N, C-alpha and C. Protein backbone atom coordinates (compact mmCIF):
# COMPACT_ATOMS: atom_id res chain seq x y z
N MET A 1 92.07 67.14 108.47
CA MET A 1 93.35 67.57 108.52
C MET A 1 94.29 66.69 109.41
N LYS A 2 95.53 66.33 109.03
CA LYS A 2 96.33 65.65 109.99
C LYS A 2 96.85 66.44 111.03
N ASP A 3 97.12 65.90 112.31
CA ASP A 3 97.63 66.63 113.51
C ASP A 3 99.20 66.67 113.27
N GLY A 4 99.80 67.82 113.72
CA GLY A 4 101.39 67.85 113.75
C GLY A 4 102.13 68.18 112.52
N ILE A 5 101.28 68.42 111.42
CA ILE A 5 102.11 68.78 110.23
C ILE A 5 101.97 70.20 109.76
N HIS A 6 101.01 70.95 110.30
CA HIS A 6 100.70 72.30 109.91
C HIS A 6 101.54 73.27 110.75
N PRO A 7 102.12 74.35 110.27
CA PRO A 7 102.88 75.32 110.98
C PRO A 7 101.95 76.12 112.03
N ASN A 8 102.51 76.67 113.01
CA ASN A 8 101.77 77.45 113.99
C ASN A 8 101.44 78.81 113.54
N TYR A 9 100.26 78.98 113.04
CA TYR A 9 99.88 80.15 112.36
C TYR A 9 99.06 80.95 113.33
N ARG A 10 99.62 82.15 113.75
CA ARG A 10 98.96 82.88 114.78
C ARG A 10 99.31 84.40 114.67
N ASP A 11 98.68 85.20 115.40
CA ASP A 11 99.02 86.57 115.51
C ASP A 11 100.29 86.91 116.12
N VAL A 12 101.21 87.72 115.38
CA VAL A 12 102.64 87.98 115.85
C VAL A 12 102.74 89.49 115.73
N CYS A 13 103.47 90.08 116.66
CA CYS A 13 103.75 91.38 116.71
C CYS A 13 105.23 91.63 116.13
N PHE A 14 105.36 92.41 115.10
CA PHE A 14 106.57 92.66 114.47
C PHE A 14 106.94 94.10 114.93
N VAL A 15 108.36 94.23 115.30
CA VAL A 15 108.84 95.46 115.76
C VAL A 15 110.01 95.88 114.90
N ASP A 16 110.07 97.13 114.50
CA ASP A 16 111.14 97.73 113.89
C ASP A 16 112.14 98.16 114.91
N LEU A 17 113.38 97.64 114.89
CA LEU A 17 114.33 98.05 115.88
C LEU A 17 114.91 99.43 115.70
N SER A 18 114.85 99.99 114.47
CA SER A 18 115.41 101.34 114.33
C SER A 18 114.64 102.45 114.87
N ASN A 19 113.25 102.24 114.93
CA ASN A 19 112.41 103.41 115.42
C ASN A 19 111.32 102.93 116.45
N GLY A 20 111.10 101.58 116.57
CA GLY A 20 110.09 101.12 117.54
C GLY A 20 108.83 100.81 116.89
N PHE A 21 108.58 101.02 115.61
CA PHE A 21 107.40 100.79 114.94
C PHE A 21 106.81 99.42 115.12
N GLN A 22 105.63 99.20 115.51
CA GLN A 22 104.96 97.91 115.75
C GLN A 22 103.82 97.80 114.86
N PHE A 23 103.70 96.49 114.43
CA PHE A 23 102.44 96.09 113.80
C PHE A 23 102.12 94.63 113.97
N VAL A 24 100.86 94.30 114.07
CA VAL A 24 100.48 92.89 114.32
C VAL A 24 99.90 92.35 113.01
N THR A 25 100.24 91.14 112.76
CA THR A 25 99.69 90.39 111.55
C THR A 25 99.80 88.86 111.82
N ARG A 26 99.19 88.10 111.01
CA ARG A 26 99.21 86.61 111.36
C ARG A 26 100.51 86.16 110.61
N SER A 27 101.26 85.27 111.30
CA SER A 27 102.37 84.67 110.75
C SER A 27 102.62 83.34 111.22
N CYS A 28 103.72 82.64 110.45
CA CYS A 28 104.21 81.34 111.05
C CYS A 28 105.71 81.54 111.53
N ALA A 29 106.19 82.83 111.56
CA ALA A 29 107.52 83.15 111.93
C ALA A 29 107.86 82.59 113.35
N PRO A 30 109.07 81.97 113.39
CA PRO A 30 109.31 81.44 114.85
C PRO A 30 109.90 82.51 115.70
N THR A 31 109.41 82.50 116.91
CA THR A 31 109.87 83.50 117.86
C THR A 31 110.11 82.98 119.27
N LYS A 32 110.86 83.67 119.95
CA LYS A 32 111.21 83.19 121.36
C LYS A 32 110.87 84.11 122.38
N GLU A 33 110.53 85.27 122.04
CA GLU A 33 110.25 86.32 122.95
C GLU A 33 108.73 86.58 122.78
N LYS A 34 108.20 87.34 123.87
CA LYS A 34 106.75 87.75 123.89
C LYS A 34 106.70 89.27 124.14
N ILE A 35 105.62 89.93 123.81
CA ILE A 35 105.41 91.26 124.23
C ILE A 35 103.97 91.37 124.61
N THR A 36 103.79 92.39 125.57
CA THR A 36 102.37 92.63 125.95
C THR A 36 102.03 93.98 125.48
N LEU A 37 100.88 94.04 124.59
CA LEU A 37 100.53 95.21 123.96
C LEU A 37 99.78 96.12 124.89
N GLU A 38 99.42 97.33 124.43
CA GLU A 38 98.56 98.31 125.23
C GLU A 38 97.19 97.74 125.59
N ASP A 39 96.72 96.90 124.66
CA ASP A 39 95.36 96.44 124.90
C ASP A 39 95.34 95.16 125.82
N GLY A 40 96.48 94.69 126.26
CA GLY A 40 96.58 93.74 127.31
C GLY A 40 96.87 92.25 126.60
N ARG A 41 96.89 92.31 125.26
CA ARG A 41 97.22 90.97 124.52
C ARG A 41 98.68 90.73 124.65
N GLU A 42 99.02 89.47 124.92
CA GLU A 42 100.48 89.05 124.96
C GLU A 42 100.63 88.09 123.61
N LEU A 43 101.53 88.74 122.88
CA LEU A 43 101.90 88.09 121.48
C LEU A 43 103.27 87.79 121.31
N PRO A 44 103.53 86.63 120.54
CA PRO A 44 104.97 86.48 120.11
C PRO A 44 105.56 87.62 119.47
N LEU A 45 106.88 87.92 119.75
CA LEU A 45 107.61 89.18 119.35
C LEU A 45 108.67 88.74 118.18
N PHE A 46 108.61 89.45 117.09
CA PHE A 46 109.63 89.13 116.04
C PHE A 46 110.20 90.58 115.69
N LYS A 47 111.58 90.58 115.81
CA LYS A 47 112.16 91.90 115.65
C LYS A 47 112.78 91.84 114.24
N LEU A 48 112.54 93.20 113.63
CA LEU A 48 113.11 93.37 112.24
C LEU A 48 114.06 94.56 112.17
N GLU A 49 115.01 94.42 111.36
CA GLU A 49 115.87 95.58 111.09
C GLU A 49 115.47 96.80 110.56
N THR A 50 114.54 96.44 109.53
CA THR A 50 113.88 97.62 108.75
C THR A 50 112.51 97.30 108.37
N THR A 51 111.57 98.22 108.31
CA THR A 51 110.28 97.94 107.80
C THR A 51 109.86 99.01 106.87
N SER A 52 108.69 99.14 106.25
CA SER A 52 108.27 100.07 105.37
C SER A 52 108.29 101.52 105.88
N GLU A 53 108.31 101.64 107.26
CA GLU A 53 108.50 102.97 108.03
C GLU A 53 109.88 103.45 107.87
N THR A 54 110.82 102.53 107.74
CA THR A 54 112.21 103.13 107.77
C THR A 54 113.11 102.78 106.56
N HIS A 55 112.46 102.07 105.47
CA HIS A 55 113.32 101.65 104.34
C HIS A 55 113.23 102.87 103.42
N PRO A 56 114.49 103.12 102.87
CA PRO A 56 114.56 104.31 102.04
C PRO A 56 113.69 104.31 100.78
N PHE A 57 113.30 103.17 100.25
CA PHE A 57 112.45 103.09 99.04
C PHE A 57 111.03 103.54 99.51
N TYR A 58 110.59 103.18 100.62
CA TYR A 58 109.20 103.48 101.09
C TYR A 58 109.02 104.98 101.64
N THR A 59 110.16 105.36 102.15
CA THR A 59 110.27 106.84 102.78
C THR A 59 110.45 107.94 101.84
N GLY A 60 110.89 107.54 100.55
CA GLY A 60 111.20 108.62 99.59
C GLY A 60 112.63 109.07 99.69
N GLN A 61 113.60 108.49 100.48
CA GLN A 61 114.88 108.86 100.63
C GLN A 61 115.86 108.23 99.71
N GLN A 62 115.37 107.20 98.93
CA GLN A 62 116.27 106.40 97.99
C GLN A 62 116.59 107.32 96.90
N LYS A 63 117.87 107.25 96.41
CA LYS A 63 118.28 108.16 95.36
C LYS A 63 118.42 107.14 94.06
N SER A 64 118.09 107.69 92.85
CA SER A 64 118.20 106.82 91.70
C SER A 64 119.75 106.97 91.23
N VAL A 65 120.17 105.90 90.60
CA VAL A 65 121.64 105.83 90.15
C VAL A 65 121.66 106.82 88.99
N ASP A 66 120.72 106.96 88.27
CA ASP A 66 120.71 107.83 86.99
C ASP A 66 120.87 109.34 87.35
N ASN A 67 120.47 109.69 88.60
CA ASN A 67 120.39 111.03 88.95
C ASN A 67 121.69 111.57 89.76
N LEU A 68 122.66 110.59 89.79
CA LEU A 68 123.88 110.95 90.55
C LEU A 68 124.93 111.63 89.80
N GLY A 69 124.66 112.77 89.18
CA GLY A 69 125.67 113.54 88.37
C GLY A 69 126.14 112.94 87.17
N GLY A 70 125.21 112.25 86.52
CA GLY A 70 125.54 111.67 85.24
C GLY A 70 126.65 110.59 85.23
N ARG A 71 126.75 109.74 86.32
CA ARG A 71 127.57 108.79 86.38
C ARG A 71 127.39 107.62 85.37
N VAL A 72 126.14 107.39 85.13
CA VAL A 72 125.76 106.31 84.21
C VAL A 72 126.13 106.74 82.82
N GLU A 73 125.81 107.97 82.46
CA GLU A 73 126.12 108.40 81.07
C GLU A 73 127.71 108.43 80.85
N LYS A 74 128.50 108.80 81.83
CA LYS A 74 130.04 108.91 81.88
C LYS A 74 130.37 107.44 81.66
N PHE A 75 129.80 106.47 82.33
CA PHE A 75 130.23 105.10 82.14
C PHE A 75 129.86 104.57 80.86
N ARG A 76 128.70 104.86 80.30
CA ARG A 76 128.32 104.47 78.91
C ARG A 76 129.26 105.04 77.91
N ASN A 77 129.42 106.26 77.98
CA ASN A 77 130.41 107.01 77.11
C ASN A 77 131.85 106.45 77.05
N LYS A 78 132.29 106.08 78.24
CA LYS A 78 133.75 105.55 78.47
C LYS A 78 133.81 104.33 77.81
N PHE A 79 132.87 103.39 78.04
CA PHE A 79 132.97 102.00 77.65
C PHE A 79 132.09 101.67 76.42
N LYS A 80 131.44 102.75 75.88
CA LYS A 80 130.62 102.56 74.72
C LYS A 80 129.48 101.45 75.00
N VAL A 81 129.04 101.55 76.28
CA VAL A 81 127.96 100.59 76.68
C VAL A 81 126.58 101.19 76.33
N GLY A 82 125.68 100.51 75.77
CA GLY A 82 124.36 101.03 75.51
C GLY A 82 123.61 100.22 74.58
N ILE A 83 122.46 100.56 74.18
CA ILE A 83 121.55 99.83 73.27
C ILE A 83 122.12 100.16 71.77
N LYS A 84 122.39 99.10 71.14
CA LYS A 84 122.79 99.34 69.69
C LYS A 84 121.60 99.43 68.86
N ARG A 85 121.52 100.32 67.92
CA ARG A 85 120.29 100.53 67.07
C ARG A 85 120.78 100.39 65.67
């Protein structure tokens, strides 16, 4: 393999900024900060706005558009939108 053409693939600690959830995985994500974990390892730190711990889809808090008071049916009836049979 040629030197200098491959990305820096290493262990990276990802942190969810909304609740502090941390997980370590291998990544090429560019980082400027480092974090020291409880086990003493110092890893690059990548901050995230949301993860599976806080995203509404994964936490079960997401609401379906079809269940919001019949809005979809009202729209379809008003504009006669739908599947033609």
